[in-house]
Amino acid sequence: MWIRVLIFLALLVSILFLNWWITTSIVLVYLFLFNAYEVIFFGLVLDSLYATSVPGFFGIEFIFTILFSTLFVLTYFLKKELIYYPAL
């Protein structure tokens, strides 16, 4: 329980103060350890703080929301297929 709270707080701090790739790495760890549906909310927060339309992605502004939603769905199904032993 405490590890989930600590990773949650680290994710909040990383959204505000760290680079996008560190935040995405923390999201991946968070998703593989827990079924963390709240990463979709973090994607919305990240996009509302820093989003601009990117012409390379057809002008989509919610890139992190789409990325984190896709990662959530992929890890949800991938964890069912892998032999997964939680360390907690």
N, C-alpha and C. Protein backbone atom coordinates (compact mmCIF):
# COMPACT_ATOMS: atom_id res chain seq x y z
N MET A 1 0.82 -1.19 0.00
CA MET A 1 0.00 0.00 0.00
C MET A 1 0.87 1.26 0.00
N TRP A 2 1.92 1.25 0.82
CA TRP A 2 2.78 2.42 0.90
C TRP A 2 3.55 2.65 -0.39
N ILE A 3 3.89 1.57 -1.07
CA ILE A 3 4.64 1.71 -2.33
C ILE A 3 3.75 2.38 -3.37
N ARG A 4 2.48 2.02 -3.39
CA ARG A 4 1.56 2.66 -4.35
C ARG A 4 1.43 4.14 -4.07
N VAL A 5 1.34 4.51 -2.81
CA VAL A 5 1.24 5.92 -2.45
C VAL A 5 2.52 6.67 -2.80
N LEU A 6 3.67 6.04 -2.55
CA LEU A 6 4.95 6.69 -2.88
C LEU A 6 5.12 6.88 -4.39
N ILE A 7 4.74 5.88 -5.17
CA ILE A 7 4.83 6.03 -6.62
C ILE A 7 3.83 7.06 -7.12
N PHE A 8 2.67 7.11 -6.52
CA PHE A 8 1.66 8.12 -6.86
C PHE A 8 2.21 9.52 -6.62
N LEU A 9 2.83 9.73 -5.46
CA LEU A 9 3.41 11.04 -5.15
C LEU A 9 4.60 11.36 -6.06
N ALA A 10 5.41 10.35 -6.37
CA ALA A 10 6.52 10.57 -7.30
C ALA A 10 6.01 10.95 -8.68
N LEU A 11 4.89 10.39 -9.07
CA LEU A 11 4.30 10.74 -10.36
C LEU A 11 3.79 12.17 -10.37
N LEU A 12 3.17 12.58 -9.27
CA LEU A 12 2.72 13.97 -9.17
C LEU A 12 3.88 14.95 -9.24
N VAL A 13 4.95 14.65 -8.52
CA VAL A 13 6.12 15.52 -8.53
C VAL A 13 6.77 15.52 -9.92
N SER A 14 6.81 14.37 -10.56
CA SER A 14 7.46 14.31 -11.87
C SER A 14 6.66 15.07 -12.93
N ILE A 15 5.34 15.11 -12.79
CA ILE A 15 4.53 15.90 -13.73
C ILE A 15 4.86 17.37 -13.62
N LEU A 16 5.08 17.83 -12.40
CA LEU A 16 5.32 19.25 -12.19
C LEU A 16 6.76 19.68 -12.44
N PHE A 17 7.73 18.82 -12.13
CA PHE A 17 9.11 19.29 -12.11
C PHE A 17 10.09 18.55 -13.02
N LEU A 18 9.74 17.39 -13.55
CA LEU A 18 10.70 16.60 -14.31
C LEU A 18 10.32 16.52 -15.79
N ASN A 19 11.20 15.94 -16.57
CA ASN A 19 10.98 15.81 -18.02
C ASN A 19 9.88 14.81 -18.32
N TRP A 20 9.37 14.88 -19.55
CA TRP A 20 8.28 14.01 -19.94
C TRP A 20 8.69 12.55 -19.97
N TRP A 21 9.94 12.25 -20.32
CA TRP A 21 10.36 10.85 -20.43
C TRP A 21 10.54 10.22 -19.05
N ILE A 22 10.86 11.01 -18.04
CA ILE A 22 10.93 10.48 -16.67
C ILE A 22 9.52 10.18 -16.17
N THR A 23 8.59 11.06 -16.47
CA THR A 23 7.19 10.84 -16.09
C THR A 23 6.63 9.59 -16.77
N THR A 24 6.93 9.41 -18.04
CA THR A 24 6.46 8.23 -18.75
C THR A 24 7.10 6.95 -18.18
N SER A 25 8.34 7.02 -17.77
CA SER A 25 8.99 5.86 -17.15
C SER A 25 8.34 5.51 -15.82
N ILE A 26 8.01 6.50 -15.03
CA ILE A 26 7.33 6.26 -13.75
C ILE A 26 5.94 5.69 -14.00
N VAL A 27 5.26 6.16 -15.04
CA VAL A 27 3.94 5.62 -15.39
C VAL A 27 4.06 4.14 -15.76
N LEU A 28 5.08 3.77 -16.52
CA LEU A 28 5.26 2.37 -16.88
C LEU A 28 5.50 1.49 -15.67
N VAL A 29 6.32 1.94 -14.74
CA VAL A 29 6.56 1.18 -13.51
C VAL A 29 5.27 1.07 -12.72
N TYR A 30 4.54 2.17 -12.62
CA TYR A 30 3.28 2.20 -11.87
C TYR A 30 2.26 1.24 -12.49
N LEU A 31 2.21 1.19 -13.81
CA LEU A 31 1.25 0.31 -14.47
C LEU A 31 1.63 -1.15 -14.35
N PHE A 32 2.92 -1.47 -14.37
CA PHE A 32 3.30 -2.88 -14.26
C PHE A 32 3.17 -3.39 -12.83
N LEU A 33 3.28 -2.51 -11.84
CA LEU A 33 3.12 -2.96 -10.47
C LEU A 33 1.67 -3.03 -10.03
N PHE A 34 0.85 -2.11 -10.53
CA PHE A 34 -0.55 -2.02 -10.08
C PHE A 34 -1.45 -1.82 -11.29
N ASN A 35 -2.74 -2.12 -11.12
CA ASN A 35 -3.74 -1.75 -12.13
C ASN A 35 -4.14 -0.31 -11.87
N ALA A 36 -3.34 0.59 -12.33
CA ALA A 36 -3.46 2.00 -11.97
C ALA A 36 -4.22 2.75 -13.05
N TYR A 37 -5.54 2.78 -12.93
CA TYR A 37 -6.35 3.50 -13.90
C TYR A 37 -6.20 5.01 -13.77
N GLU A 38 -5.63 5.48 -12.66
CA GLU A 38 -5.49 6.92 -12.46
C GLU A 38 -4.43 7.55 -13.36
N VAL A 39 -3.66 6.75 -14.08
CA VAL A 39 -2.69 7.33 -15.00
C VAL A 39 -3.39 8.06 -16.15
N ILE A 40 -4.61 7.68 -16.47
CA ILE A 40 -5.37 8.40 -17.49
C ILE A 40 -5.67 9.81 -17.00
N PHE A 41 -6.00 9.95 -15.74
CA PHE A 41 -6.19 11.28 -15.15
C PHE A 41 -4.88 12.07 -15.18
N PHE A 42 -3.76 11.40 -14.89
CA PHE A 42 -2.47 12.08 -14.94
C PHE A 42 -2.14 12.53 -16.36
N GLY A 43 -2.57 11.77 -17.35
CA GLY A 43 -2.39 12.19 -18.74
C GLY A 43 -3.18 13.45 -19.04
N LEU A 44 -4.40 13.53 -18.50
CA LEU A 44 -5.21 14.74 -18.67
C LEU A 44 -4.56 15.94 -17.98
N VAL A 45 -4.02 15.72 -16.79
CA VAL A 45 -3.35 16.81 -16.07
C VAL A 45 -2.12 17.27 -16.83
N LEU A 46 -1.34 16.33 -17.31
CA LEU A 46 -0.13 16.66 -18.06
C LEU A 46 -0.47 17.41 -19.35
N ASP A 47 -1.51 16.98 -20.03
CA ASP A 47 -1.91 17.67 -21.25
C ASP A 47 -2.50 19.04 -20.97
N SER A 48 -3.23 19.18 -19.91
CA SER A 48 -3.81 20.49 -19.60
C SER A 48 -2.74 21.49 -19.16
N LEU A 49 -1.66 21.00 -18.59
CA LEU A 49 -0.58 21.90 -18.18
C LEU A 49 0.34 22.28 -19.34
N TYR A 50 0.72 21.32 -20.17
CA TYR A 50 1.80 21.53 -21.12
C TYR A 50 1.44 21.29 -22.59
N ALA A 51 0.20 21.00 -22.91
CA ALA A 51 -0.13 20.57 -24.27
C ALA A 51 -0.16 21.72 -25.26
N THR A 52 0.37 21.44 -26.43
CA THR A 52 0.21 22.28 -27.62
C THR A 52 -0.09 21.34 -28.77
N SER A 53 -0.75 21.85 -29.77
CA SER A 53 -1.04 20.98 -30.91
C SER A 53 0.24 20.73 -31.70
N VAL A 54 0.46 19.48 -32.01
CA VAL A 54 1.67 19.08 -32.72
C VAL A 54 1.26 18.71 -34.15
N PRO A 55 1.79 19.41 -35.15
CA PRO A 55 1.40 19.11 -36.53
C PRO A 55 1.75 17.69 -36.97
N GLY A 56 2.80 17.11 -36.38
CA GLY A 56 3.19 15.75 -36.74
C GLY A 56 2.18 14.71 -36.29
N PHE A 57 1.35 15.04 -35.31
CA PHE A 57 0.32 14.13 -34.82
C PHE A 57 -1.07 14.61 -35.21
N PHE A 58 -1.20 15.21 -36.39
CA PHE A 58 -2.47 15.66 -36.94
C PHE A 58 -3.14 16.73 -36.08
N GLY A 59 -2.37 17.51 -35.35
CA GLY A 59 -2.91 18.59 -34.54
C GLY A 59 -3.57 18.14 -33.24
N ILE A 60 -3.31 16.93 -32.81
CA ILE A 60 -3.91 16.41 -31.58
C ILE A 60 -3.22 17.06 -30.37
N GLU A 61 -4.02 17.56 -29.43
CA GLU A 61 -3.47 18.20 -28.25
C GLU A 61 -3.31 17.25 -27.07
N PHE A 62 -4.05 16.17 -27.04
CA PHE A 62 -4.06 15.27 -25.90
C PHE A 62 -3.17 14.05 -26.14
N ILE A 63 -1.91 14.31 -26.37
CA ILE A 63 -0.96 13.25 -26.70
C ILE A 63 -0.70 12.34 -25.50
N PHE A 64 -0.48 12.93 -24.32
CA PHE A 64 -0.18 12.11 -23.14
C PHE A 64 -1.40 11.34 -22.66
N THR A 65 -2.58 11.90 -22.82
CA THR A 65 -3.79 11.16 -22.45
C THR A 65 -3.95 9.93 -23.33
N ILE A 66 -3.73 10.10 -24.61
CA ILE A 66 -3.81 8.96 -25.54
C ILE A 66 -2.71 7.95 -25.24
N LEU A 67 -1.49 8.45 -25.00
CA LEU A 67 -0.37 7.56 -24.70
C LEU A 67 -0.60 6.78 -23.41
N PHE A 68 -1.01 7.44 -22.35
CA PHE A 68 -1.22 6.75 -21.07
C PHE A 68 -2.42 5.81 -21.13
N SER A 69 -3.46 6.17 -21.88
CA SER A 69 -4.60 5.26 -22.04
C SER A 69 -4.19 4.00 -22.80
N THR A 70 -3.39 4.18 -23.84
CA THR A 70 -2.90 3.04 -24.61
C THR A 70 -2.00 2.16 -23.76
N LEU A 71 -1.10 2.77 -22.99
CA LEU A 71 -0.24 1.99 -22.10
C LEU A 71 -1.04 1.24 -21.05
N PHE A 72 -2.10 1.85 -20.53
CA PHE A 72 -2.95 1.18 -19.55
C PHE A 72 -3.60 -0.07 -20.15
N VAL A 73 -4.16 0.07 -21.34
CA VAL A 73 -4.82 -1.07 -21.99
C VAL A 73 -3.80 -2.15 -22.34
N LEU A 74 -2.65 -1.76 -22.86
CA LEU A 74 -1.62 -2.74 -23.21
C LEU A 74 -1.09 -3.50 -22.00
N THR A 75 -0.81 -2.79 -20.92
CA THR A 75 -0.30 -3.48 -19.74
C THR A 75 -1.39 -4.32 -19.07
N TYR A 76 -2.64 -3.91 -19.19
CA TYR A 76 -3.74 -4.70 -18.62
C TYR A 76 -3.79 -6.08 -19.28
N PHE A 77 -3.70 -6.11 -20.60
CA PHE A 77 -3.76 -7.39 -21.30
C PHE A 77 -2.42 -8.13 -21.26
N LEU A 78 -1.33 -7.39 -21.26
CA LEU A 78 -0.01 -8.02 -21.23
C LEU A 78 0.26 -8.71 -19.90
N LYS A 79 -0.20 -8.14 -18.81
CA LYS A 79 0.00 -8.77 -17.50
C LYS A 79 -0.77 -10.07 -17.38
N LYS A 80 -1.86 -10.22 -18.11
CA LYS A 80 -2.59 -11.48 -18.10
C LYS A 80 -1.83 -12.58 -18.84
N GLU A 81 -1.06 -12.20 -19.85
CA GLU A 81 -0.34 -13.18 -20.66
C GLU A 81 1.03 -13.55 -20.07
N LEU A 82 1.62 -12.66 -19.29
CA LEU A 82 2.92 -12.91 -18.71
C LEU A 82 2.80 -13.69 -17.41
N ILE A 83 3.85 -14.40 -17.06
CA ILE A 83 3.93 -14.97 -15.72
C ILE A 83 4.40 -13.83 -14.84
N TYR A 84 3.51 -13.34 -14.02
CA TYR A 84 3.77 -12.11 -13.29
C TYR A 84 3.67 -12.40 -11.80
N TYR A 85 4.77 -12.20 -11.12
CA TYR A 85 4.80 -12.38 -9.68
C TYR A 85 5.04 -11.03 -9.04
N PRO A 86 4.03 -10.45 -8.45
CA PRO A 86 4.26 -9.13 -7.83
C PRO A 86 5.21 -9.26 -6.65
N ALA A 87 6.13 -8.31 -6.57
CA ALA A 87 7.14 -8.34 -5.51
C ALA A 87 6.62 -7.75 -4.22
N LEU A 88 5.40 -7.32 -4.19
CA LEU A 88 4.88 -6.65 -3.01
C LEU A 88 4.03 -7.56 -2.18
